[in-house]
C-alpha atoms as a PDB file:
ATOM      1  CA  MET A   1       0.000   0.000   0.000  1.00  0.00           C
ATOM      2  CA  LEU A   2       2.816   2.391   0.897  1.00  0.00           C
ATOM      3  CA  GLN A   3       4.536   1.773  -2.436  1.00  0.00           C
ATOM      4  CA  ILE A   4       1.289   2.256  -4.338  1.00  0.00           C
ATOM      5  CA  CYS A   5       0.727   5.631  -2.683  1.00  0.00           C
ATOM      6  CA  ALA A   6       4.291   6.671  -3.462  1.00  0.00           C
ATOM      7  CA  TYR A   7       3.905   5.713  -7.133  1.00  0.00           C
ATOM      8  CA  LEU A   8       0.552   7.476  -7.249  1.00  0.00           C
ATOM      9  CA  SER A   9       2.055  10.688  -5.902  1.00  0.00           C
ATOM     10  CA  LEU A  10       4.819  10.570  -8.523  1.00  0.00           C
ATOM     11  CA  ALA A  11       2.281   9.949 -11.255  1.00  0.00           C
ATOM     12  CA  LEU A  12       0.194  12.935 -10.168  1.00  0.00           C
ATOM     13  CA  VAL A  13       3.248  15.166 -10.234  1.00  0.00           C
ATOM     14  CA  PHE A  14       4.137  13.968 -13.725  1.00  0.00           C
ATOM     15  CA  LEU A  15       0.625  14.412 -15.103  1.00  0.00           C
ATOM     16  CA  PHE A  16      -0.474  17.594 -13.393  1.00  0.00           C
ATOM     17  CA  GLY A  17       2.679  19.387 -12.373  1.00  0.00           C
ATOM     18  CA  THR A  18       4.180  20.173  -9.028  1.00  0.00           C
ATOM     19  CA  SER A  19       1.868  23.015  -8.012  1.00  0.00           C
ATOM     20  CA  TYR A  20      -0.328  20.693  -5.974  1.00  0.00           C
ATOM     21  CA  VAL A  21       2.567  19.334  -3.910  1.00  0.00           C
ATOM     22  CA  SER A  22       3.328  20.694  -0.428  1.00  0.00           C
ATOM     23  CA  SER A  23       6.735  21.165   1.135  1.00  0.00           C
ATOM     24  CA  GLU A  24       6.406  17.792   2.814  1.00  0.00           C
ATOM     25  CA  THR A  25       5.156  14.481   1.470  1.00  0.00           C
ATOM     26  CA  ILE A  26       3.611  12.248   4.112  1.00  0.00           C
ATOM     27  CA  GLN A  27       4.335   8.619   3.321  1.00  0.00           C
ATOM     28  CA  GLY A  28       1.105   6.720   2.855  1.00  0.00           C
ATOM     29  CA  SER A  29      -1.000   9.721   1.826  1.00  0.00           C
ATOM     30  CA  VAL A  30      -1.495  11.618  -1.418  1.00  0.00           C
ATOM     31  CA  LEU A  31      -2.179  15.239  -2.263  1.00  0.00           C
ATOM     32  CA  LEU A  32      -5.230  15.892  -4.409  1.00  0.00           C
ATOM     33  CA  ASN A  33      -6.300  18.765  -6.617  1.00  0.00           C
ATOM     34  CA  SER A  34      -9.354  19.534  -8.731  1.00  0.00           C
ATOM     35  CA  ALA A  35      -8.029  17.633 -11.741  1.00  0.00           C
ATOM     36  CA  VAL A  36      -7.620  14.285  -9.989  1.00  0.00           C
ATOM     37  CA  PHE A  37      -9.993  14.469  -7.021  1.00  0.00           C
ATOM     38  CA  SER A  38     -12.854  12.293  -8.277  1.00  0.00           C
ATOM     39  CA  LYS A  39     -10.541   9.967 -10.197  1.00  0.00           C
ATOM     40  CA  ILE A  40      -8.746   8.976  -7.007  1.00  0.00           C
ATOM     41  CA  VAL A  41     -11.659   9.045  -4.548  1.00  0.00           C
ATOM     42  CA  ASP A  42     -13.761   6.714  -6.701  1.00  0.00           C
ATOM     43  CA  LYS A  43     -11.116   3.973  -6.617  1.00  0.00           C
ATOM     44  CA  TYR A  44     -11.311   3.171  -2.877  1.00  0.00           C
ATOM     45  CA  LYS A  45     -13.939   1.862  -0.483  1.00  0.00           C
ATOM     46  CA  ALA A  46     -13.136   4.768   1.820  1.00  0.00           C
ATOM     47  CA  VAL A  47     -11.035   7.916   1.459  1.00  0.00           C
ATOM     48  CA  LEU A  48     -10.236  10.194   4.386  1.00  0.00           C
ATOM     49  CA  ILE A  49      -9.470  13.685   3.120  1.00  0.00           C
ATOM     50  CA  LYS A  50      -7.989  16.456   5.209  1.00  0.00           C
ATOM     51  CA  PHE A  51      -8.816  19.908   3.856  1.00  0.00           C
ATOM     52  CA  ASP A  52      -6.182  22.351   5.054  1.00  0.00           C
ATOM     53  CA  GLU A  53      -4.101  25.400   4.303  1.00  0.00           C
ATOM     54  CA  THR A  54      -1.061  25.150   2.062  1.00  0.00           C
ATOM     55  CA  TYR A  55       2.116  23.951   3.783  1.00  0.00           C
ATOM     56  CA  PRO A  56       0.417  22.720   6.989  1.00  0.00           C
ATOM     57  CA  TYR A  57       2.596  22.073  10.047  1.00  0.00           C
ATOM     58  CA  GLY A  58       2.472  21.696  13.824  1.00  0.00           C
ATOM     59  CA  ASP A  59       0.515  19.459  16.186  1.00  0.00           C
ATOM     60  CA  LYS A  60      -2.504  19.078  13.905  1.00  0.00           C
ATOM     61  CA  GLN A  61      -0.326  17.940  11.023  1.00  0.00           C
ATOM     62  CA  ASP A  62       1.485  15.524  13.333  1.00  0.00           C
ATOM     63  CA  THR A  63      -1.914  14.077  14.227  1.00  0.00           C
ATOM     64  CA  PHE A  64      -2.654  13.529  10.550  1.00  0.00           C
ATOM     65  CA  LYS A  65       0.668  11.718  10.155  1.00  0.00           C
ATOM     66  CA  ALA A  66      -0.263   9.380  13.033  1.00  0.00           C
ATOM     67  CA  VAL A  67      -3.625   8.635  11.442  1.00  0.00           C
ATOM     68  CA  VAL A  68      -2.012   7.906   8.079  1.00  0.00           C
ATOM     69  CA  GLU A  69       0.499   5.566   9.698  1.00  0.00           C
ATOM     70  CA  ALA A  70      -2.321   3.608  11.341  1.00  0.00           C
ATOM     71  CA  THR A  71      -4.040   3.052   7.995  1.00  0.00           C
ATOM     72  CA  LEU A  72      -1.073   1.791   5.976  1.00  0.00           C
ATOM     73  CA  SER A  73      -2.033  -1.887   6.290  1.00  0.00           C
ATOM     74  CA  GLN A  74      -5.633  -1.245   5.188  1.00  0.00           C
ATOM     75  CA  SER A  75      -5.587  -1.384   1.381  1.00  0.00           C
ATOM     76  CA  ASP A  76      -9.257  -0.383   1.042  1.00  0.00           C
ATOM     77  CA  LEU A  77      -8.645   2.978   2.720  1.00  0.00           C
ATOM     78  CA  LEU A  78      -6.718   5.957   1.385  1.00  0.00           C
ATOM     79  CA  CYS A  79      -5.681   9.058   3.299  1.00  0.00           C
ATOM     80  CA  ALA A  80      -5.297  12.244   1.291  1.00  0.00           C
ATOM     81  CA  GLU A  81      -4.929  16.000   1.620  1.00  0.00           C
ATOM     82  CA  VAL A  82      -6.492  18.875  -0.253  1.00  0.00           C
ATOM     83  CA  GLN A  83      -4.443  21.997   0.405  1.00  0.00           C
ATOM     84  CA  VAL A  84      -6.499  25.098  -0.301  1.00  0.00           C
ATOM     85  CA  ALA A  85      -4.738  28.308  -1.350  1.00  0.00           C
ATOM     86  CA  ASP A  86      -6.253  31.705  -0.565  1.00  0.00           C
ATOM     87  CA  TYR A  87      -3.847  33.573  -2.827  1.00  0.00           C
ATOM     88  CA  GLY A  88      -2.898  33.614  -6.512  1.00  0.00           C
ATOM     89  CA  GLU A  89      -5.079  31.247  -8.487  1.00  0.00           C
ATOM     90  CA  LYS A  90      -6.636  29.960  -5.245  1.00  0.00           C
ATOM     91  CA  GLU A  91      -5.938  26.347  -6.044  1.00  0.00           C
ATOM     92  CA  ASN A  92      -8.480  23.824  -4.739  1.00  0.00           C
ATOM     93  CA  ALA A  93     -10.801  26.562  -3.464  1.00  0.00           C
ATOM     94  CA  ASP A  94     -13.441  25.092  -5.777  1.00  0.00           C
ATOM     95  CA  ILE A  95     -13.269  21.700  -4.030  1.00  0.00           C
ATOM     96  CA  ALA A  96     -13.477  23.320  -0.599  1.00  0.00           C
ATOM     97  CA  GLU A  97     -16.501  25.347  -1.660  1.00  0.00           C
ATOM     98  CA  LYS A  98     -18.216  22.290  -3.133  1.00  0.00           C
ATOM     99  CA  TYR A  99     -18.001  20.454   0.201  1.00  0.00           C
ATOM    100  CA  GLY A 100     -18.731  23.445   2.398  1.00  0.00           C
ATOM    101  CA  VAL A 101     -15.250  23.731   3.881  1.00  0.00           C
ATOM    102  CA  LYS A 102     -14.232  27.146   5.209  1.00  0.00           C
ATOM    103  CA  LYS A 103     -10.722  28.435   5.857  1.00  0.00           C
ATOM    104  CA  ASP A 104     -11.494  29.299   9.486  1.00  0.00           C
ATOM    105  CA  ASP A 105     -12.292  25.639  10.183  1.00  0.00           C
ATOM    106  CA  PHE A 106      -9.016  24.146   8.865  1.00  0.00           C
ATOM    107  CA  PRO A 107      -8.157  21.361   9.148  1.00  0.00           C
ATOM    108  CA  VAL A 108     -11.432  19.700   8.188  1.00  0.00           C
ATOM    109  CA  TYR A 109     -11.674  15.916   7.833  1.00  0.00           C
ATOM    110  CA  LYS A 110     -14.233  14.395   5.503  1.00  0.00           C
ATOM    111  CA  LEU A 111     -14.671  10.676   4.885  1.00  0.00           C
ATOM    112  CA  PHE A 112     -15.848   9.559   1.467  1.00  0.00           C
ATOM    113  CA  VAL A 113     -17.375   6.084   1.690  1.00  0.00           C
ATOM    114  CA  GLU A 114     -18.228   3.911  -1.297  1.00  0.00           C
ATOM    115  CA  GLY A 115     -21.969   3.834  -1.889  1.00  0.00           C
ATOM    116  CA  LYS A 116     -22.717   7.063  -0.005  1.00  0.00           C
ATOM    117  CA  ASP A 117     -23.698  10.209  -1.897  1.00  0.00           C
ATOM    118  CA  GLU A 118     -22.200  12.656   0.593  1.00  0.00           C
ATOM    119  CA  PRO A 119     -19.026  12.533   2.709  1.00  0.00           C
ATOM    120  CA  VAL A 120     -19.191  12.265   6.492  1.00  0.00           C
ATOM    121  CA  THR A 121     -17.598  15.154   8.386  1.00  0.00           C
ATOM    122  CA  TYR A 122     -15.463  14.513  11.442  1.00  0.00           C
ATOM    123  CA  THR A 123     -16.561  16.802  14.286  1.00  0.00           C
ATOM    124  CA  GLY A 124     -14.164  15.734  17.025  1.00  0.00           C
ATOM    125  CA  ASP A 125     -10.813  17.046  18.226  1.00  0.00           C
ATOM    126  CA  VAL A 126      -8.397  17.376  15.281  1.00  0.00           C
ATOM    127  CA  LYS A 127      -5.429  16.955  17.618  1.00  0.00           C
ATOM    128  CA  ILE A 128      -6.392  13.471  18.850  1.00  0.00           C
ATOM    129  CA  ALA A 129      -5.384  10.772  16.374  1.00  0.00           C
ATOM    130  CA  ASP A 130      -7.206   7.966  18.202  1.00  0.00           C
ATOM    131  CA  ASP A 131     -10.487   9.859  17.986  1.00  0.00           C
ATOM    132  CA  ILE A 132     -10.062  10.276  14.234  1.00  0.00           C
ATOM    133  CA  LYS A 133      -9.288   6.563  13.912  1.00  0.00           C
ATOM    134  CA  LYS A 134     -12.418   5.702  15.892  1.00  0.00           C
ATOM    135  CA  PHE A 135     -14.376   7.911  13.507  1.00  0.00           C
ATOM    136  CA  LEU A 136     -12.897   5.988  10.579  1.00  0.00           C
ATOM    137  CA  ILE A 137     -13.843   2.646  12.103  1.00  0.00           C
ATOM    138  CA  ARG A 138     -17.395   3.709  12.893  1.00  0.00           C
ATOM    139  CA  GLU A 139     -18.122   5.262   9.521  1.00  0.00           C
ATOM    140  CA  SER A 140     -16.158   3.083   7.093  1.00  0.00           C
ATOM    141  CA  GLY A 141     -16.600  -0.352   8.644  1.00  0.00           C
ATOM    142  CA  LEU A 142     -12.931  -1.130   7.958  1.00  0.00           C
ATOM    143  CA  TRP A 143     -10.557  -2.667  10.495  1.00  0.00           C
ATOM    144  CA  LEU A 144      -7.715  -0.376  11.541  1.00  0.00           C
ATOM    145  CA  GLY A 145      -6.617  -1.853  14.806  1.00  0.00           C
ATOM    146  CA  LEU A 146      -6.990   0.808  17.462  1.00  0.00           C
ATOM    147  CA  PRO A 147      -4.587   0.405  20.399  1.00  0.00           C
ATOM    148  CA  SER A 148      -5.521  -2.674  22.485  1.00  0.00           C
ATOM    149  CA  CYS A 149      -7.870  -4.089  19.826  1.00  0.00           C
ATOM    150  CA  LEU A 150      -7.335  -7.634  18.540  1.00  0.00           C
ATOM    151  CA  GLU A 151      -8.262  -8.448  14.953  1.00  0.00           C
ATOM    152  CA  ASP A 152      -9.227 -12.071  15.674  1.00  0.00           C
ATOM    153  CA  PHE A 153     -11.594 -10.965  18.422  1.00  0.00           C
ATOM    154  CA  ASP A 154     -13.067  -8.230  16.251  1.00  0.00           C
ATOM    155  CA  LYS A 155     -13.922 -10.911  13.698  1.00  0.00           C
ATOM    156  CA  LEU A 156     -15.475 -12.928  16.500  1.00  0.00           C
ATOM    157  CA  VAL A 157     -17.635  -9.965  17.502  1.00  0.00           C
ATOM    158  CA  ALA A 158     -18.969  -9.725  13.948  1.00  0.00           C
ATOM    159  CA  GLU A 159     -19.731 -13.436  14.073  1.00  0.00           C
ATOM    160  CA  PHE A 160     -21.419 -13.026  17.450  1.00  0.00           C
ATOM    161  CA  GLN A 161     -23.824 -10.456  16.014  1.00  0.00           C
ATOM    162  CA  LYS A 162     -25.061 -12.954  13.436  1.00  0.00           C
ATOM    163  CA  THR A 163     -25.210 -15.968  15.782  1.00  0.00           C
ATOM    164  CA  PRO A 164     -28.608 -17.148  17.131  1.00  0.00           C
ATOM    165  CA  ASP A 165     -29.021 -16.712  20.890  1.00  0.00           C
ATOM    166  CA  ASP A 166     -29.014 -20.457  21.565  1.00  0.00           C
ATOM    167  CA  LYS A 167     -25.617 -20.775  19.842  1.00  0.00           C
ATOM    168  CA  LYS A 168     -23.903 -17.856  21.574  1.00  0.00           C
ATOM    169  CA  PRO A 169     -22.615 -19.941  24.515  1.00  0.00           C
ATOM    170  CA  ASP A 170     -20.615 -21.956  21.968  1.00  0.00           C
ATOM    171  CA  LEU A 171     -19.156 -18.733  20.612  1.00  0.00           C
ATOM    172  CA  LEU A 172     -18.157 -17.653  24.130  1.00  0.00           C
ATOM    173  CA  LYS A 173     -16.315 -20.938  24.518  1.00  0.00           C
ATOM    174  CA  LYS A 174     -14.550 -20.243  21.244  1.00  0.00           C
ATOM    175  CA  ALA A 175     -13.552 -16.811  22.558  1.00  0.00           C
ATOM    176  CA  GLU A 176     -12.034 -18.312  25.702  1.00  0.00           C
ATOM    177  CA  GLU A 177     -10.057 -20.804  23.618  1.00  0.00           C
ATOM    178  CA  LEU A 178      -8.821 -17.967  21.428  1.00  0.00           C
ATOM    179  CA  ALA A 179      -7.712 -15.973  24.471  1.00  0.00           C
ATOM    180  CA  SER A 180      -5.483 -18.811  25.630  1.00  0.00           C
ATOM    181  CA  LYS A 181      -3.354 -18.421  22.501  1.00  0.00           C
ATOM    182  CA  TYR A 182      -2.102 -14.930  23.370  1.00  0.00           C
ATOM    183  CA  ALA A 183       1.309 -14.668  25.004  1.00  0.00           C
ATOM    184  CA  SER A 184       1.742 -11.026  26.024  1.00  0.00           C
ATOM    185  CA  GLU A 185       0.078  -9.604  29.110  1.00  0.00           C
ATOM    186  CA  LYS A 186      -1.298  -6.691  27.090  1.00  0.00           C
ATOM    187  CA  GLU A 187      -3.033  -9.018  24.635  1.00  0.00           C
ATOM    188  CA  LYS A 188      -4.346 -11.199  27.443  1.00  0.00           C
ATOM    189  CA  LYS A 189      -5.811  -8.153  29.130  1.00  0.00           C
ATOM    190  CA  SER A 190      -7.501  -7.073  25.910  1.00  0.00           C
ATOM    191  CA  ALA A 191      -8.870 -10.576  25.363  1.00  0.00           C
ATOM    192  CA  GLU A 192     -10.324 -10.506  28.873  1.00  0.00           C
ATOM    193  CA  ILE A 193     -12.178  -7.267  28.090  1.00  0.00           C
ATOM    194  CA  TYR A 194     -13.555  -8.778  24.885  1.00  0.00           C
ATOM    195  CA  ILE A 195     -14.823 -11.874  26.704  1.00  0.00           C
ATOM    196  CA  LYS A 196     -16.415  -9.928  29.543  1.00  0.00           C
ATOM    197  CA  THR A 197     -18.149  -7.641  27.042  1.00  0.00           C
ATOM    198  CA  LEU A 198     -19.445 -10.596  25.015  1.00  0.00           C
ATOM    199  CA  LYS A 199     -20.874 -12.151  28.173  1.00  0.00           C
ATOM    200  CA  LYS A 200     -22.573  -8.877  29.082  1.00  0.00           C
ATOM    201  CA  LEU A 201     -24.079  -8.662  25.612  1.00  0.00           C
ATOM    202  CA  VAL A 202     -25.726 -12.049  26.059  1.00  0.00           C
ATOM    203  CA  GLU A 203     -27.522 -10.650  29.103  1.00  0.00           C
ATOM    204  CA  THR A 204     -28.042  -7.063  27.894  1.00  0.00           C
ATOM    205  CA  PRO A 205     -27.987  -6.329  24.111  1.00  0.00           C
ATOM    206  CA  SER A 206     -27.652  -2.567  24.732  1.00  0.00           C
ATOM    207  CA  PHE A 207     -24.641  -2.984  27.029  1.00  0.00           C
ATOM    208  CA  VAL A 208     -22.017  -1.553  24.642  1.00  0.00           C
ATOM    209  CA  ASP A 209     -23.748   1.778  24.054  1.00  0.00           C
ATOM    210  CA  THR A 210     -24.408   2.394  27.734  1.00  0.00           C
ATOM    211  CA  GLU A 211     -20.911   1.256  28.715  1.00  0.00           C
ATOM    212  CA  ILE A 212     -19.292   3.638  26.219  1.00  0.00           C
ATOM    213  CA  LYS A 213     -21.175   6.547  27.775  1.00  0.00           C
ATOM    214  CA  ARG A 214     -20.127   5.425  31.259  1.00  0.00           C
ATOM    215  CA  VAL A 215     -16.450   5.025  30.348  1.00  0.00           C
ATOM    216  CA  GLU A 216     -16.340   8.349  28.488  1.00  0.00           C
ATOM    217  CA  LYS A 217     -17.788  10.091  31.537  1.00  0.00           C
ATOM    218  CA  LEU A 218     -15.177   8.467  33.774  1.00  0.00           C
ATOM    219  CA  LYS A 219     -12.385   9.416  31.392  1.00  0.00           C
ATOM    220  CA  ASP A 220     -13.464  13.063  31.393  1.00  0.00           C
ATOM    221  CA  GLY A 221     -13.451  13.142  35.188  1.00  0.00           C
ATOM    222  CA  LYS A 222     -10.576  13.527  37.626  1.00  0.00           C
ATOM    223  CA  VAL A 223      -8.555  10.351  37.152  1.00  0.00           C
ATOM    224  CA  SER A 224      -4.836   9.596  37.090  1.00  0.00           C
ATOM    225  CA  ASP A 225      -2.962   9.382  33.793  1.00  0.00           C
ATOM    226  CA  LYS A 226      -2.603   5.624  34.225  1.00  0.00           C
ATOM    227  CA  LYS A 227      -6.331   5.197  34.836  1.00  0.00           C
ATOM    228  CA  LYS A 228      -7.133   7.388  31.851  1.00  0.00           C
ATOM    229  CA  GLU A 229      -4.906   5.200  29.685  1.00  0.00           C
ATOM    230  CA  GLN A 230      -6.751   2.097  30.909  1.00  0.00           C
ATOM    231  CA  LEU A 231     -10.113   3.718  30.189  1.00  0.00           C
ATOM    232  CA  ASN A 232      -8.936   4.669  26.684  1.00  0.00           C
ATOM    233  CA  GLU A 233      -7.930   1.074  26.017  1.00  0.00           C
ATOM    234  CA  ARG A 234     -11.337  -0.138  27.148  1.00  0.00           C
ATOM    235  CA  LEU A 235     -13.046   2.546  25.080  1.00  0.00           C
ATOM    236  CA  ASN A 236     -11.125   1.480  21.979  1.00  0.00           C
ATOM    237  CA  ILE A 237     -12.380  -2.085  22.333  1.00  0.00           C
ATOM    238  CA  LEU A 238     -15.936  -0.932  23.026  1.00  0.00           C
ATOM    239  CA  THR A 239     -15.798   1.288  19.941  1.00  0.00           C
ATOM    240  CA  SER A 240     -14.778  -1.714  17.872  1.00  0.00           C
ATOM    241  CA  PHE A 241     -17.749  -3.622  19.308  1.00  0.00           C
ATOM    242  CA  GLN A 242     -20.106  -0.741  18.554  1.00  0.00           C
ATOM    243  CA  MET A 243     -19.104  -0.503  14.922  1.00  0.00           C
ATOM    244  CA  ARG A 244     -19.402  -4.248  14.276  1.00  0.00           C
ATOM    245  CA  LEU A 245     -22.650  -4.675  16.165  1.00  0.00           C
ATOM    246  CA  ARG A 246     -24.196  -1.736  14.337  1.00  0.00           C
ATOM    247  CA  ASP A 247     -23.139  -2.648  10.829  1.00  0.00           C
ATOM    248  CA  GLU A 248     -23.236  -6.442  11.212  1.00  0.00           C
ATOM    249  CA  LEU A 249     -19.908  -6.920   9.491  1.00  0.00           C
END
């Protein structure tokens, strides 16, 4: 995927010139302009586009880099930038206007999902990479692997959603067998959270939504940094549950 993006960037430069290229190329993402926008977006199941000023830098750009890095293994998802100039020929101002993006709001993240007529706008904190990744998971249905999430268990959650109630005890047994295969303490801890959540879902189908609200409230309260980290890990796993239970992947 990384090589494809690199080749794509080179091809865009060759075909459309260097005016669309910023001072820094982020590996794993591409820069788009009016000439290639729809041609690129239409080729992926999901495209996350950051609308921003020309030559972006600082904490918000570092956040974008972290998001891009987390998506490199997901070939169905592309991260891209549209840098909007407010001087000269005002490059890409037409794209920004089309999607209702204003300069005062930069950076603005919009997710273009295959099959949807309009992009979904991210409304969270643009300095928190994990929140942007959670947004991607919820809205695209693609697996990104948030911190503490386990791909095998995420697949099991999707299977759980489609399993008849009388067969769910068998699936819980399968989950416990899967947990025994993990070696690291971090993975074991994550597996334990998955299993406990699955058991709760058998008793209370709405458990995940209510638990997310509870954990978010705790996280926003006065807790130690270590506790906040633990709550974030739990919230990541719950978010993965929420997406799969909602979309029945």
